[in-house]
Amino acid sequence: SSLSTSTSTGISSLSTGLSSTDSSVASLSTSTSTGLSSATSSISSLSTSTSTGISSLSTGLSSTDSSVASLSTSTSTGLSSATSSISSLSTSTSTGISSLSTGLSSTDSSVA
């Protein structure tokens, strides 16, 4: 039951590591992740995640989140799993056009 707020904004931003790309309500986002990737969705959580990105590419242990009412195309290659966080309160905002993430960059959302 933690409250985490993460905000990253950048055009052509480069980050390294375990990275996650979140897309939420009413967003137009196309994300392609290659590696051990997981599609996660929040159940029964107070979670506000806003991510706007065109052609964002993340490579590594990455997760791609997409939620209700989004125009989202997500392609993941590798060992993938669907996980869900229950009773989490997190606010994560990331905005980037042509953002490339590779390596150890993570957006945390806690499970109560």
N, C-alpha and C. Protein backbone atom coordinates (compact mmCIF):
# COMPACT_ATOMS: atom_id res chain seq x y z
N SER A 1 0.83 -1.20 0.00
CA SER A 1 0.00 0.00 0.00
C SER A 1 0.87 1.24 0.00
N SER A 2 1.61 1.39 -1.07
CA SER A 2 2.45 2.57 -1.16
C SER A 2 1.94 3.49 -2.24
N LEU A 3 2.36 4.73 -2.15
CA LEU A 3 1.94 5.72 -3.12
C LEU A 3 3.17 6.20 -3.87
N SER A 4 3.23 5.85 -5.15
CA SER A 4 4.39 6.28 -5.91
C SER A 4 3.97 7.14 -7.09
N THR A 5 4.70 8.21 -7.29
CA THR A 5 4.42 9.11 -8.40
C THR A 5 5.68 9.24 -9.24
N SER A 6 5.56 8.83 -10.50
CA SER A 6 6.71 8.87 -11.37
C SER A 6 6.37 9.65 -12.64
N THR A 7 7.17 10.65 -12.94
CA THR A 7 6.91 11.46 -14.12
C THR A 7 8.17 11.61 -14.97
N SER A 8 8.08 11.18 -16.23
CA SER A 8 9.21 11.42 -17.12
C SER A 8 8.69 11.95 -18.45
N THR A 9 9.30 13.03 -18.89
CA THR A 9 8.87 13.66 -20.14
C THR A 9 10.08 13.90 -21.02
N GLY A 10 10.00 13.45 -22.27
CA GLY A 10 11.11 13.71 -23.15
C GLY A 10 10.82 13.29 -24.57
N ILE A 11 11.37 14.03 -25.51
CA ILE A 11 11.31 13.66 -26.92
C ILE A 11 12.67 13.10 -27.27
N SER A 12 12.69 11.92 -27.88
CA SER A 12 13.93 11.21 -28.15
C SER A 12 14.71 10.96 -26.87
N SER A 13 14.04 10.45 -25.86
CA SER A 13 14.73 10.19 -24.60
C SER A 13 15.30 8.78 -24.60
N LEU A 14 16.48 8.62 -24.03
CA LEU A 14 17.14 7.34 -23.98
C LEU A 14 17.33 6.91 -22.54
N SER A 15 16.81 5.74 -22.21
CA SER A 15 17.02 5.24 -20.86
C SER A 15 17.45 3.79 -20.92
N THR A 16 18.19 3.38 -19.92
CA THR A 16 18.74 2.03 -19.94
C THR A 16 18.19 1.15 -18.84
N GLY A 17 17.77 -0.05 -19.12
CA GLY A 17 17.45 -1.01 -18.10
C GLY A 17 16.14 -1.73 -18.24
N LEU A 18 15.66 -2.24 -17.12
CA LEU A 18 14.36 -2.88 -17.08
C LEU A 18 13.33 -1.77 -17.25
N SER A 19 12.77 -1.69 -18.43
CA SER A 19 11.94 -0.54 -18.69
C SER A 19 10.48 -0.92 -18.88
N SER A 20 9.62 0.00 -18.57
CA SER A 20 8.21 -0.25 -18.78
C SER A 20 7.58 0.89 -19.55
N THR A 21 6.64 0.54 -20.41
CA THR A 21 5.94 1.54 -21.19
C THR A 21 4.46 1.44 -20.86
N ASP A 22 3.94 2.49 -20.26
CA ASP A 22 2.54 2.47 -19.84
C ASP A 22 1.68 3.27 -20.80
N SER A 23 0.51 2.71 -21.14
CA SER A 23 -0.43 3.51 -21.91
C SER A 23 -1.79 3.35 -21.27
N SER A 24 -2.52 4.46 -21.11
CA SER A 24 -3.78 4.35 -20.44
C SER A 24 -4.91 4.96 -21.23
N VAL A 25 -5.94 5.37 -20.51
CA VAL A 25 -7.21 5.80 -21.08
C VAL A 25 -7.05 6.86 -22.17
N ALA A 26 -7.71 6.63 -23.28
CA ALA A 26 -7.79 7.57 -24.39
C ALA A 26 -6.42 7.99 -24.90
N SER A 27 -5.50 7.06 -25.03
CA SER A 27 -4.21 7.41 -25.57
C SER A 27 -3.97 6.69 -26.89
N LEU A 28 -3.27 7.36 -27.78
CA LEU A 28 -2.88 6.77 -29.05
C LEU A 28 -1.43 6.34 -28.92
N SER A 29 -1.19 5.06 -28.76
CA SER A 29 0.17 4.65 -28.55
C SER A 29 0.48 3.35 -29.24
N THR A 30 1.65 3.30 -29.86
CA THR A 30 2.11 2.09 -30.50
C THR A 30 3.44 1.71 -29.87
N SER A 31 3.46 0.57 -29.20
CA SER A 31 4.71 0.20 -28.56
C SER A 31 5.10 -1.21 -28.94
N THR A 32 6.38 -1.38 -29.18
CA THR A 32 6.91 -2.69 -29.53
C THR A 32 8.00 -3.04 -28.54
N SER A 33 7.84 -4.17 -27.86
CA SER A 33 8.87 -4.56 -26.92
C SER A 33 9.38 -5.95 -27.25
N THR A 34 10.68 -6.11 -27.18
CA THR A 34 11.30 -7.39 -27.49
C THR A 34 12.11 -7.85 -26.29
N GLY A 35 11.92 -9.09 -25.88
CA GLY A 35 12.60 -9.62 -24.71
C GLY A 35 11.62 -10.31 -23.80
N LEU A 36 11.97 -10.43 -22.54
CA LEU A 36 11.05 -10.99 -21.56
C LEU A 36 10.06 -9.90 -21.20
N SER A 37 8.89 -9.96 -21.81
CA SER A 37 7.98 -8.86 -21.60
C SER A 37 6.67 -9.33 -20.99
N SER A 38 6.00 -8.44 -20.31
CA SER A 38 4.74 -8.80 -19.71
C SER A 38 3.71 -7.72 -19.93
N ALA A 39 2.47 -8.14 -20.18
CA ALA A 39 1.39 -7.17 -20.32
C ALA A 39 0.67 -7.14 -18.98
N THR A 40 0.66 -5.98 -18.36
CA THR A 40 0.05 -5.89 -17.04
C THR A 40 -1.17 -5.00 -17.06
N SER A 41 -2.11 -5.31 -16.22
CA SER A 41 -3.28 -4.47 -16.10
C SER A 41 -3.64 -4.35 -14.64
N SER A 42 -4.08 -3.16 -14.24
CA SER A 42 -4.38 -2.91 -12.85
C SER A 42 -5.83 -3.25 -12.55
N ILE A 43 -6.03 -4.05 -11.53
CA ILE A 43 -7.37 -4.42 -11.12
C ILE A 43 -7.67 -3.75 -9.79
N SER A 44 -8.80 -3.05 -9.72
CA SER A 44 -9.25 -2.47 -8.46
C SER A 44 -8.20 -1.57 -7.84
N SER A 45 -7.58 -0.76 -8.68
CA SER A 45 -6.54 0.12 -8.17
C SER A 45 -6.83 1.57 -8.48
N LEU A 46 -6.35 2.45 -7.60
CA LEU A 46 -6.41 3.87 -7.88
C LEU A 46 -5.14 4.20 -8.63
N SER A 47 -5.19 4.01 -9.94
CA SER A 47 -3.98 4.17 -10.72
C SER A 47 -4.20 5.12 -11.88
N THR A 48 -3.40 6.16 -11.95
CA THR A 48 -3.48 7.08 -13.07
C THR A 48 -2.18 7.01 -13.83
N SER A 49 -2.25 6.42 -15.00
CA SER A 49 -1.05 6.29 -15.79
C SER A 49 -1.28 6.88 -17.17
N THR A 50 -0.53 7.91 -17.51
CA THR A 50 -0.70 8.57 -18.79
C THR A 50 0.59 8.52 -19.58
N SER A 51 0.53 7.92 -20.74
CA SER A 51 1.72 7.84 -21.56
C SER A 51 1.35 8.08 -23.01
N THR A 52 1.98 9.05 -23.62
CA THR A 52 1.73 9.32 -25.02
C THR A 52 3.02 9.14 -25.78
N GLY A 53 3.03 8.18 -26.68
CA GLY A 53 4.26 7.96 -27.42
C GLY A 53 3.97 7.39 -28.79
N ILE A 54 4.65 7.90 -29.79
CA ILE A 54 4.51 7.35 -31.13
C ILE A 54 5.79 6.61 -31.45
N SER A 55 5.66 5.34 -31.84
CA SER A 55 6.80 4.52 -32.19
C SER A 55 7.81 4.44 -31.08
N SER A 56 7.38 4.10 -29.89
CA SER A 56 8.32 3.94 -28.80
C SER A 56 8.83 2.50 -28.79
N LEU A 57 10.12 2.35 -28.69
CA LEU A 57 10.75 1.04 -28.74
C LEU A 57 11.47 0.75 -27.44
N SER A 58 11.09 -0.33 -26.79
CA SER A 58 11.80 -0.69 -25.58
C SER A 58 12.35 -2.10 -25.70
N THR A 59 13.59 -2.27 -25.32
CA THR A 59 14.25 -3.56 -25.41
C THR A 59 14.83 -3.92 -24.06
N GLY A 60 14.61 -5.15 -23.63
CA GLY A 60 15.07 -5.60 -22.32
C GLY A 60 13.95 -6.30 -21.60
N LEU A 61 14.04 -6.40 -20.29
CA LEU A 61 12.95 -6.94 -19.51
C LEU A 61 11.93 -5.82 -19.36
N SER A 62 10.98 -5.79 -20.27
CA SER A 62 10.10 -4.64 -20.29
C SER A 62 8.65 -5.05 -20.14
N SER A 63 7.85 -4.14 -19.65
CA SER A 63 6.43 -4.41 -19.56
C SER A 63 5.65 -3.33 -20.29
N THR A 64 4.58 -3.74 -20.94
CA THR A 64 3.75 -2.80 -21.66
C THR A 64 2.36 -2.83 -21.07
N ASP A 65 1.96 -1.71 -20.47
CA ASP A 65 0.65 -1.64 -19.85
C ASP A 65 -0.32 -0.92 -20.76
N SER A 66 -1.51 -1.48 -20.89
CA SER A 66 -2.53 -0.77 -21.62
C SER A 66 -3.85 -0.95 -20.90
N SER A 67 -4.65 0.12 -20.83
CA SER A 67 -5.89 -0.02 -20.12
C SER A 67 -7.07 0.44 -20.96
N VAL A 68 -8.18 0.68 -20.27
CA VAL A 68 -9.48 0.88 -20.90
C VAL A 68 -9.50 2.02 -21.91
N ALA A 69 -10.19 1.81 -23.00
CA ALA A 69 -10.49 2.81 -24.02
C ALA A 69 -9.25 3.42 -24.64
N SER A 70 -8.26 2.60 -24.94
CA SER A 70 -7.08 3.14 -25.59
C SER A 70 -6.91 2.54 -26.97
N LEU A 71 -6.44 3.36 -27.90
CA LEU A 71 -6.06 2.87 -29.21
C LEU A 71 -4.60 2.48 -29.09
N SER A 72 -4.37 1.23 -28.77
CA SER A 72 -3.04 0.80 -28.44
C SER A 72 -2.66 -0.45 -29.21
N THR A 73 -1.53 -0.40 -29.90
CA THR A 73 -1.03 -1.57 -30.60
C THR A 73 0.26 -2.00 -29.91
N SER A 74 0.23 -3.20 -29.36
CA SER A 74 1.36 -3.65 -28.58
C SER A 74 1.84 -5.00 -29.09
N THR A 75 3.10 -5.09 -29.46
CA THR A 75 3.66 -6.34 -29.94
C THR A 75 4.82 -6.74 -29.04
N SER A 76 4.72 -7.92 -28.45
CA SER A 76 5.82 -8.36 -27.61
C SER A 76 6.33 -9.72 -28.07
N THR A 77 7.63 -9.86 -28.09
CA THR A 77 8.26 -11.10 -28.52
C THR A 77 9.13 -11.64 -27.40
N GLY A 78 8.96 -12.90 -27.07
CA GLY A 78 9.73 -13.50 -25.99
C GLY A 78 8.85 -14.21 -25.00
N LEU A 79 9.38 -14.50 -23.84
CA LEU A 79 8.60 -15.11 -22.79
C LEU A 79 7.73 -14.04 -22.17
N SER A 80 6.42 -14.15 -22.38
CA SER A 80 5.57 -13.10 -21.87
C SER A 80 4.56 -13.64 -20.87
N SER A 81 4.19 -12.81 -19.93
CA SER A 81 3.22 -13.22 -18.94
C SER A 81 2.28 -12.07 -18.64
N ALA A 82 1.05 -12.40 -18.24
CA ALA A 82 0.09 -11.36 -17.88
C ALA A 82 0.03 -11.27 -16.36
N THR A 83 0.38 -10.11 -15.85
CA THR A 83 0.32 -9.92 -14.41
C THR A 83 -0.64 -8.79 -14.09
N SER A 84 -1.14 -8.77 -12.89
CA SER A 84 -2.04 -7.70 -12.51
C SER A 84 -1.73 -7.23 -11.10
N SER A 85 -1.79 -5.91 -10.92
CA SER A 85 -1.56 -5.38 -9.59
C SER A 85 -2.90 -5.05 -8.95
N ILE A 86 -3.06 -5.50 -7.73
CA ILE A 86 -4.32 -5.35 -7.02
C ILE A 86 -4.16 -4.35 -5.88
N SER A 87 -5.10 -3.45 -5.74
CA SER A 87 -5.08 -2.47 -4.66
C SER A 87 -3.81 -1.63 -4.64
N SER A 88 -3.39 -1.17 -5.78
CA SER A 88 -2.22 -0.29 -5.78
C SER A 88 -2.64 1.13 -6.07
N LEU A 89 -1.93 2.06 -5.49
CA LEU A 89 -2.20 3.47 -5.72
C LEU A 89 -0.95 4.09 -6.32
N SER A 90 -0.95 4.24 -7.63
CA SER A 90 0.23 4.81 -8.25
C SER A 90 -0.13 5.76 -9.37
N THR A 91 0.68 6.78 -9.52
CA THR A 91 0.48 7.74 -10.60
C THR A 91 1.77 7.82 -11.41
N SER A 92 1.65 7.41 -12.65
CA SER A 92 2.84 7.40 -13.49
C SER A 92 2.55 8.12 -14.81
N THR A 93 3.37 9.10 -15.13
CA THR A 93 3.16 9.86 -16.36
C THR A 93 4.45 9.91 -17.16
N SER A 94 4.40 9.39 -18.37
CA SER A 94 5.56 9.53 -19.23
C SER A 94 5.13 9.90 -20.64
N THR A 95 5.79 10.89 -21.20
CA THR A 95 5.45 11.37 -22.53
C THR A 95 6.70 11.42 -23.39
N GLY A 96 6.64 10.79 -24.55
CA GLY A 96 7.80 10.83 -25.41
C GLY A 96 7.47 10.42 -26.83
N ILE A 97 8.07 11.10 -27.80
CA ILE A 97 7.92 10.71 -29.19
C ILE A 97 9.25 10.11 -29.63
N SER A 98 9.19 8.93 -30.24
CA SER A 98 10.38 8.21 -30.63
C SER A 98 11.31 7.99 -29.45
N SER A 99 10.78 7.53 -28.34
CA SER A 99 11.62 7.29 -27.18
C SER A 99 12.18 5.88 -27.23
N LEU A 100 13.45 5.74 -26.97
CA LEU A 100 14.12 4.46 -26.99
C LEU A 100 14.57 4.10 -25.59
N SER A 101 14.03 2.99 -25.07
CA SER A 101 14.46 2.55 -23.76
C SER A 101 15.19 1.23 -23.86
N THR A 102 16.34 1.17 -23.31
CA THR A 102 17.08 -0.09 -23.29
C THR A 102 17.79 -0.21 -21.96
N GLY A 103 17.48 -1.21 -21.14
CA GLY A 103 18.26 -1.43 -19.96
C GLY A 103 17.54 -1.29 -18.65
N LEU A 104 18.12 -0.65 -17.72
CA LEU A 104 17.58 -0.67 -16.37
C LEU A 104 16.77 0.56 -15.99
N SER A 105 15.60 0.73 -16.57
CA SER A 105 14.78 1.88 -16.24
C SER A 105 13.41 1.35 -15.91
N SER A 106 12.93 1.58 -14.71
CA SER A 106 11.67 0.98 -14.34
C SER A 106 10.69 1.97 -13.77
N THR A 107 9.42 1.72 -14.04
CA THR A 107 8.36 2.51 -13.45
C THR A 107 7.67 1.60 -12.45
N ASP A 108 7.75 1.98 -11.16
CA ASP A 108 7.26 1.11 -10.11
C ASP A 108 5.79 1.34 -9.81
N SER A 109 5.07 0.22 -9.67
CA SER A 109 3.74 0.32 -9.10
C SER A 109 3.65 -0.77 -8.05
N SER A 110 3.24 -0.40 -6.85
CA SER A 110 3.28 -1.32 -5.74
C SER A 110 1.97 -2.06 -5.56
N VAL A 111 2.09 -3.27 -5.05
CA VAL A 111 0.91 -4.07 -4.75
C VAL A 111 0.70 -4.00 -3.24
N ALA A 112 -0.54 -3.63 -2.82
CA ALA A 112 -0.80 -3.47 -1.39
C ALA A 112 -0.64 -4.80 -0.69
